[in-house]
Amino acid sequence: MAGMDGRRPSIYPTLLYVDAKAAIKQLTEAFGFTELSVYEGEDGSVLHAELVQGNGAVMLGTKGRGGTFDEAMKKAGPSGVYVVVDDVDAHHQRAVEHGAEILMPPTDQEYGSRDYMARDAEGNIWSFGTYAPEIAV
């Protein structure tokens, strides 16, 4: 089963951006994601991209290209994604140094996590923290 072998996640948040190239730049530079793949159309739009953080990944593309997913997402608002990181404070510092809009500084939560929250350039909310629930398989 995909994702259960410890190598491939079975859930991938998928986002569309007006300027997907700028989103990729912000996610890699400010939030520490690594480009796994980026496929561009002839017009330079991002048809599909995969960015990795730890053992998880997010998929993204350019809004307005047409197709079923683009149509379904047309009226969708910003999304929220939670990403587990080892060192919240260092991750936060990197985001600040790259100009990310911080909504909540690193904060210790009652349930044992340390988190911070940021908004990307197109309004999506990214939470980064130490909380990583164990999923029984």
N, C-alpha and C. Protein backbone atom coordinates (compact mmCIF):
# COMPACT_ATOMS: atom_id res chain seq x y z
N MET A 1 0.84 -1.17 0.00
CA MET A 1 0.00 0.00 0.00
C MET A 1 0.89 1.24 0.00
N ALA A 2 0.60 2.20 -0.87
CA ALA A 2 1.38 3.43 -0.96
C ALA A 2 1.40 4.13 0.39
N GLY A 3 2.54 4.63 0.76
CA GLY A 3 2.66 5.39 1.99
C GLY A 3 2.90 4.55 3.22
N MET A 4 2.64 3.29 3.17
CA MET A 4 2.79 2.45 4.35
C MET A 4 4.15 1.77 4.41
N ASP A 5 4.98 2.00 3.39
CA ASP A 5 6.29 1.39 3.38
C ASP A 5 7.36 2.31 3.97
N GLY A 6 6.98 3.46 4.48
CA GLY A 6 7.93 4.38 5.07
C GLY A 6 8.68 5.24 4.07
N ARG A 7 8.43 5.06 2.79
CA ARG A 7 9.15 5.82 1.77
C ARG A 7 8.27 6.82 1.05
N ARG A 8 7.01 6.53 0.87
CA ARG A 8 6.14 7.42 0.12
C ARG A 8 4.94 7.80 0.95
N PRO A 9 4.69 9.10 1.11
CA PRO A 9 3.48 9.50 1.82
C PRO A 9 2.24 9.05 1.05
N SER A 10 1.14 8.87 1.75
CA SER A 10 -0.09 8.51 1.07
C SER A 10 -1.05 9.69 0.96
N ILE A 11 -0.69 10.83 1.55
CA ILE A 11 -1.50 12.04 1.45
C ILE A 11 -0.60 13.19 1.02
N TYR A 12 -1.03 13.92 -0.01
CA TYR A 12 -0.28 15.07 -0.52
C TYR A 12 -1.20 16.28 -0.60
N PRO A 13 -1.02 17.27 0.27
CA PRO A 13 -1.79 18.50 0.09
C PRO A 13 -1.49 19.05 -1.31
N THR A 14 -2.51 19.56 -1.99
CA THR A 14 -2.36 20.04 -3.35
C THR A 14 -2.94 21.45 -3.44
N LEU A 15 -2.12 22.39 -3.88
CA LEU A 15 -2.49 23.80 -3.90
C LEU A 15 -2.31 24.37 -5.30
N LEU A 16 -3.12 25.35 -5.65
CA LEU A 16 -2.96 26.08 -6.90
C LEU A 16 -2.65 27.53 -6.56
N TYR A 17 -1.74 28.11 -7.33
CA TYR A 17 -1.30 29.49 -7.12
C TYR A 17 -1.42 30.28 -8.41
N VAL A 18 -1.74 31.57 -8.30
CA VAL A 18 -1.72 32.46 -9.46
C VAL A 18 -0.29 32.51 -10.01
N ASP A 19 0.69 32.62 -9.12
CA ASP A 19 2.10 32.65 -9.51
C ASP A 19 2.80 31.47 -8.85
N ALA A 20 2.69 30.30 -9.45
CA ALA A 20 3.25 29.08 -8.87
C ALA A 20 4.78 29.14 -8.78
N LYS A 21 5.42 29.81 -9.72
CA LYS A 21 6.89 29.92 -9.66
C LYS A 21 7.32 30.71 -8.43
N ALA A 22 6.60 31.80 -8.13
CA ALA A 22 6.91 32.57 -6.92
C ALA A 22 6.62 31.76 -5.67
N ALA A 23 5.57 30.94 -5.71
CA ALA A 23 5.25 30.09 -4.57
C ALA A 23 6.36 29.07 -4.33
N ILE A 24 6.85 28.48 -5.39
CA ILE A 24 7.95 27.52 -5.27
C ILE A 24 9.16 28.19 -4.66
N LYS A 25 9.45 29.39 -5.11
CA LYS A 25 10.59 30.14 -4.57
C LYS A 25 10.42 30.39 -3.08
N GLN A 26 9.24 30.85 -2.67
CA GLN A 26 9.00 31.12 -1.26
C GLN A 26 9.04 29.84 -0.43
N LEU A 27 8.41 28.79 -0.90
CA LEU A 27 8.38 27.54 -0.14
C LEU A 27 9.76 26.93 0.01
N THR A 28 10.61 27.06 -1.00
CA THR A 28 11.96 26.50 -0.89
C THR A 28 12.87 27.41 -0.08
N GLU A 29 12.84 28.70 -0.35
CA GLU A 29 13.76 29.61 0.33
C GLU A 29 13.35 29.90 1.78
N ALA A 30 12.09 30.25 1.99
CA ALA A 30 11.65 30.66 3.33
C ALA A 30 11.27 29.48 4.22
N PHE A 31 10.69 28.44 3.64
CA PHE A 31 10.16 27.35 4.45
C PHE A 31 10.96 26.05 4.31
N GLY A 32 12.03 26.06 3.54
CA GLY A 32 12.94 24.93 3.51
C GLY A 32 12.51 23.71 2.73
N PHE A 33 11.51 23.84 1.87
CA PHE A 33 11.13 22.71 1.02
C PHE A 33 12.22 22.48 -0.02
N THR A 34 12.25 21.28 -0.58
CA THR A 34 13.17 20.93 -1.65
C THR A 34 12.36 20.56 -2.88
N GLU A 35 12.73 21.10 -4.04
CA GLU A 35 12.06 20.73 -5.28
C GLU A 35 12.35 19.28 -5.62
N LEU A 36 11.30 18.52 -5.82
CA LEU A 36 11.45 17.16 -6.30
C LEU A 36 11.26 17.14 -7.81
N SER A 37 10.22 17.84 -8.28
CA SER A 37 9.99 17.95 -9.72
C SER A 37 9.13 19.16 -10.02
N VAL A 38 9.37 19.75 -11.19
CA VAL A 38 8.57 20.88 -11.67
C VAL A 38 8.38 20.66 -13.17
N TYR A 39 7.12 20.61 -13.60
CA TYR A 39 6.80 20.43 -15.01
C TYR A 39 6.09 21.70 -15.48
N GLU A 40 6.65 22.32 -16.52
CA GLU A 40 6.09 23.57 -17.03
C GLU A 40 5.43 23.36 -18.37
N GLY A 41 4.39 24.18 -18.62
CA GLY A 41 3.74 24.20 -19.92
C GLY A 41 4.53 25.07 -20.88
N GLU A 42 4.14 25.06 -22.13
CA GLU A 42 4.82 25.88 -23.14
C GLU A 42 4.74 27.36 -22.82
N ASP A 43 3.69 27.76 -22.10
CA ASP A 43 3.52 29.17 -21.74
C ASP A 43 4.26 29.54 -20.45
N GLY A 44 4.99 28.59 -19.87
CA GLY A 44 5.74 28.86 -18.65
C GLY A 44 4.97 28.62 -17.37
N SER A 45 3.69 28.25 -17.49
CA SER A 45 2.91 27.94 -16.29
C SER A 45 3.40 26.63 -15.68
N VAL A 46 3.19 26.48 -14.39
CA VAL A 46 3.58 25.25 -13.71
C VAL A 46 2.41 24.27 -13.83
N LEU A 47 2.61 23.22 -14.61
CA LEU A 47 1.57 22.21 -14.77
C LEU A 47 1.46 21.35 -13.52
N HIS A 48 2.61 21.03 -12.94
CA HIS A 48 2.64 20.17 -11.76
C HIS A 48 4.02 20.31 -11.11
N ALA A 49 4.03 20.46 -9.80
CA ALA A 49 5.29 20.50 -9.06
C ALA A 49 5.14 19.69 -7.79
N GLU A 50 6.23 19.12 -7.35
CA GLU A 50 6.26 18.38 -6.09
C GLU A 50 7.42 18.92 -5.26
N LEU A 51 7.10 19.34 -4.04
CA LEU A 51 8.10 19.86 -3.12
C LEU A 51 8.11 18.98 -1.88
N VAL A 52 9.29 18.68 -1.38
CA VAL A 52 9.45 17.75 -0.27
C VAL A 52 9.91 18.48 0.98
N GLN A 53 9.39 18.03 2.12
CA GLN A 53 9.82 18.49 3.44
C GLN A 53 9.80 17.25 4.33
N GLY A 54 10.96 16.84 4.80
CA GLY A 54 11.03 15.62 5.60
C GLY A 54 10.57 14.43 4.78
N ASN A 55 9.65 13.63 5.33
CA ASN A 55 9.14 12.48 4.58
C ASN A 55 7.76 12.77 3.99
N GLY A 56 7.42 14.06 3.88
CA GLY A 56 6.15 14.47 3.29
C GLY A 56 6.38 15.32 2.06
N ALA A 57 5.31 15.59 1.35
CA ALA A 57 5.41 16.39 0.13
C ALA A 57 4.12 17.15 -0.11
N VAL A 58 4.23 18.20 -0.88
CA VAL A 58 3.08 18.98 -1.32
C VAL A 58 3.16 19.08 -2.84
N MET A 59 2.00 19.04 -3.49
CA MET A 59 1.93 19.21 -4.94
C MET A 59 1.31 20.57 -5.20
N LEU A 60 1.76 21.22 -6.27
CA LEU A 60 1.17 22.52 -6.60
C LEU A 60 1.26 22.78 -8.09
N GLY A 61 0.49 23.77 -8.53
CA GLY A 61 0.48 24.16 -9.93
C GLY A 61 -0.07 25.56 -10.08
N THR A 62 -0.16 26.02 -11.32
CA THR A 62 -0.65 27.35 -11.63
C THR A 62 -2.17 27.33 -11.78
N LYS A 63 -2.84 28.31 -11.15
CA LYS A 63 -4.29 28.48 -11.31
C LYS A 63 -4.61 28.93 -12.73
N GLY A 64 -5.81 28.58 -13.17
CA GLY A 64 -6.32 29.09 -14.43
C GLY A 64 -5.87 28.37 -15.68
N ARG A 65 -5.33 27.18 -15.55
CA ARG A 65 -4.87 26.42 -16.71
C ARG A 65 -5.99 25.59 -17.33
N GLY A 66 -7.12 25.49 -16.63
CA GLY A 66 -8.21 24.64 -17.10
C GLY A 66 -8.08 23.24 -16.55
N GLY A 67 -9.02 22.41 -16.85
CA GLY A 67 -9.01 21.04 -16.37
C GLY A 67 -9.93 20.87 -15.17
N THR A 68 -10.19 19.66 -14.81
CA THR A 68 -11.13 19.33 -13.75
C THR A 68 -10.70 19.87 -12.39
N PHE A 69 -9.44 19.63 -12.00
CA PHE A 69 -8.98 20.09 -10.69
C PHE A 69 -8.99 21.60 -10.61
N ASP A 70 -8.52 22.28 -11.65
CA ASP A 70 -8.52 23.74 -11.68
C ASP A 70 -9.95 24.27 -11.54
N GLU A 71 -10.88 23.66 -12.23
CA GLU A 71 -12.28 24.09 -12.15
C GLU A 71 -12.84 23.85 -10.75
N ALA A 72 -12.54 22.69 -10.17
CA ALA A 72 -13.04 22.38 -8.83
C ALA A 72 -12.48 23.33 -7.77
N MET A 73 -11.25 23.81 -7.97
CA MET A 73 -10.59 24.70 -7.01
C MET A 73 -10.89 26.17 -7.26
N LYS A 74 -11.62 26.47 -8.32
CA LYS A 74 -11.84 27.86 -8.72
C LYS A 74 -12.36 28.75 -7.59
N LYS A 75 -13.29 28.27 -6.80
CA LYS A 75 -13.87 29.08 -5.73
C LYS A 75 -13.31 28.71 -4.36
N ALA A 76 -12.30 27.86 -4.33
CA ALA A 76 -11.71 27.47 -3.04
C ALA A 76 -10.94 28.63 -2.44
N GLY A 77 -10.99 28.73 -1.13
CA GLY A 77 -10.23 29.76 -0.44
C GLY A 77 -8.85 29.25 -0.13
N PRO A 78 -8.13 30.02 0.65
CA PRO A 78 -6.80 29.56 1.07
C PRO A 78 -6.91 28.24 1.84
N SER A 79 -5.84 27.49 1.80
CA SER A 79 -5.78 26.21 2.51
C SER A 79 -4.81 26.32 3.67
N GLY A 80 -4.90 25.36 4.58
CA GLY A 80 -3.97 25.28 5.69
C GLY A 80 -3.25 23.95 5.65
N VAL A 81 -1.93 23.98 5.83
CA VAL A 81 -1.12 22.78 5.81
C VAL A 81 -0.22 22.78 7.04
N TYR A 82 -0.13 21.63 7.71
CA TYR A 82 0.75 21.47 8.87
C TYR A 82 1.94 20.63 8.46
N VAL A 83 3.14 21.10 8.81
CA VAL A 83 4.38 20.42 8.44
C VAL A 83 5.20 20.19 9.71
N VAL A 84 5.64 18.96 9.91
CA VAL A 84 6.47 18.63 11.06
C VAL A 84 7.93 19.00 10.76
N VAL A 85 8.53 19.74 11.68
CA VAL A 85 9.95 20.09 11.57
C VAL A 85 10.64 19.78 12.90
N ASP A 86 11.93 19.50 12.84
CA ASP A 86 12.68 19.16 14.05
C ASP A 86 12.97 20.36 14.93
N ASP A 87 13.38 21.48 14.33
CA ASP A 87 13.79 22.66 15.09
C ASP A 87 12.91 23.84 14.69
N VAL A 88 11.83 24.02 15.44
CA VAL A 88 10.85 25.06 15.12
C VAL A 88 11.48 26.44 15.12
N ASP A 89 12.32 26.72 16.10
CA ASP A 89 12.90 28.06 16.21
C ASP A 89 13.83 28.38 15.04
N ALA A 90 14.66 27.43 14.64
CA ALA A 90 15.54 27.65 13.49
C ALA A 90 14.73 27.79 12.21
N HIS A 91 13.69 26.97 12.07
CA HIS A 91 12.82 27.04 10.89
C HIS A 91 12.13 28.40 10.83
N HIS A 92 11.62 28.85 11.96
CA HIS A 92 10.98 30.16 12.06
C HIS A 92 11.95 31.27 11.67
N GLN A 93 13.18 31.20 12.19
CA GLN A 93 14.18 32.22 11.89
C GLN A 93 14.44 32.30 10.39
N ARG A 94 14.53 31.15 9.74
CA ARG A 94 14.73 31.13 8.29
C ARG A 94 13.58 31.82 7.58
N ALA A 95 12.35 31.51 8.00
CA ALA A 95 11.17 32.12 7.38
C ALA A 95 11.19 33.64 7.56
N VAL A 96 11.53 34.10 8.75
CA VAL A 96 11.61 35.54 9.03
C VAL A 96 12.67 36.18 8.14
N GLU A 97 13.83 35.55 8.04
CA GLU A 97 14.92 36.10 7.22
C GLU A 97 14.55 36.22 5.74
N HIS A 98 13.60 35.41 5.28
CA HIS A 98 13.15 35.47 3.89
C HIS A 98 11.85 36.26 3.73
N GLY A 99 11.45 36.98 4.78
CA GLY A 99 10.31 37.88 4.67
C GLY A 99 8.94 37.25 4.76
N ALA A 100 8.84 36.03 5.26
CA ALA A 100 7.52 35.40 5.38
C ALA A 100 6.67 36.15 6.40
N GLU A 101 5.38 36.21 6.14
CA GLU A 101 4.45 36.84 7.09
C GLU A 101 4.18 35.84 8.21
N ILE A 102 4.61 36.17 9.39
CA ILE A 102 4.44 35.30 10.55
C ILE A 102 3.14 35.68 11.26
N LEU A 103 2.26 34.70 11.44
CA LEU A 103 0.99 34.93 12.12
C LEU A 103 1.06 34.60 13.60
N MET A 104 1.93 33.65 13.95
CA MET A 104 2.14 33.26 15.34
C MET A 104 3.59 32.86 15.49
N PRO A 105 4.32 33.47 16.43
CA PRO A 105 5.71 33.09 16.64
C PRO A 105 5.78 31.70 17.27
N PRO A 106 6.97 31.10 17.36
CA PRO A 106 7.09 29.80 18.01
C PRO A 106 6.44 29.84 19.40
N THR A 107 5.53 28.90 19.62
CA THR A 107 4.72 28.87 20.84
C THR A 107 4.61 27.43 21.33
N ASP A 108 4.82 27.23 22.62
CA ASP A 108 4.62 25.91 23.21
C ASP A 108 3.12 25.69 23.41
N GLN A 109 2.62 24.56 22.90
CA GLN A 109 1.20 24.24 22.99
C GLN A 109 0.93 23.33 24.19
N GLU A 110 -0.30 23.35 24.67
CA GLU A 110 -0.69 22.52 25.82
C GLU A 110 -0.57 21.03 25.53
N TYR A 111 -0.67 20.63 24.28
CA TYR A 111 -0.61 19.21 23.91
C TYR A 111 0.82 18.75 23.62
N GLY A 112 1.81 19.59 23.93
CA GLY A 112 3.19 19.16 23.86
C GLY A 112 3.96 19.58 22.62
N SER A 113 3.33 20.24 21.70
CA SER A 113 4.01 20.66 20.47
C SER A 113 4.57 22.07 20.63
N ARG A 114 5.53 22.40 19.82
CA ARG A 114 6.01 23.77 19.67
C ARG A 114 5.75 24.12 18.21
N ASP A 115 4.99 25.17 17.96
CA ASP A 115 4.53 25.51 16.61
C ASP A 115 4.75 26.99 16.32
N TYR A 116 4.78 27.29 15.02
CA TYR A 116 4.60 28.67 14.57
C TYR A 116 3.75 28.62 13.31
N MET A 117 3.20 29.77 12.94
CA MET A 117 2.28 29.82 11.81
C MET A 117 2.65 30.99 10.91
N ALA A 118 2.57 30.75 9.58
CA ALA A 118 2.90 31.77 8.60
C ALA A 118 1.89 31.74 7.46
N ARG A 119 1.82 32.86 6.75
CA ARG A 119 0.95 32.93 5.57
C ARG A 119 1.85 33.08 4.34
N ASP A 120 1.57 32.32 3.29
CA ASP A 120 2.37 32.49 2.07
C ASP A 120 1.83 33.67 1.27
N ALA A 121 2.50 33.99 0.19
CA ALA A 121 2.19 35.18 -0.59
C ALA A 121 0.78 35.18 -1.18
N GLU A 122 0.14 34.01 -1.27
CA GLU A 122 -1.22 33.95 -1.83
C GLU A 122 -2.27 33.56 -0.80
N GLY A 123 -1.91 33.66 0.49
CA GLY A 123 -2.91 33.53 1.55
C GLY A 123 -3.03 32.17 2.20
N ASN A 124 -2.32 31.16 1.75
CA ASN A 124 -2.39 29.85 2.39
C ASN A 124 -1.67 29.90 3.74
N ILE A 125 -2.21 29.17 4.69
CA ILE A 125 -1.65 29.16 6.04
C ILE A 125 -0.78 27.91 6.21
N TRP A 126 0.45 28.12 6.65
CA TRP A 126 1.41 27.05 6.87
C TRP A 126 1.75 27.03 8.35
N SER A 127 1.50 25.91 9.00
CA SER A 127 1.89 25.72 10.39
C SER A 127 3.05 24.75 10.41
N PHE A 128 4.07 25.08 11.19
CA PHE A 128 5.26 24.24 11.31
C PHE A 128 5.44 23.93 12.78
N GLY A 129 5.61 22.65 13.11
CA GLY A 129 5.73 22.30 14.52
C GLY A 129 6.31 20.93 14.74
N THR A 130 6.40 20.60 16.01
CA THR A 130 7.01 19.33 16.41
C THR A 130 5.99 18.21 16.60
N TYR A 131 4.71 18.53 16.57
CA TYR A 131 3.68 17.52 16.80
C TYR A 131 3.62 16.57 15.60
N ALA A 132 3.86 15.29 15.86
CA ALA A 132 3.83 14.28 14.81
C ALA A 132 3.14 13.04 15.35
N PRO A 133 1.82 12.98 15.24
CA PRO A 133 1.11 11.83 15.79
C PRO A 133 1.53 10.54 15.11
N GLU A 134 1.66 9.50 15.90
CA GLU A 134 2.01 8.21 15.33
C GLU A 134 0.74 7.59 14.75
N ILE A 135 0.86 7.11 13.54
CA ILE A 135 -0.28 6.51 12.85
C ILE A 135 -0.08 5.00 12.84
N ALA A 136 -0.99 4.29 13.47
CA ALA A 136 -0.91 2.82 13.51
C ALA A 136 -1.29 2.28 12.14
N VAL A 137 -0.53 1.31 11.69
CA VAL A 137 -0.84 0.71 10.38
C VAL A 137 -1.23 -0.73 10.56
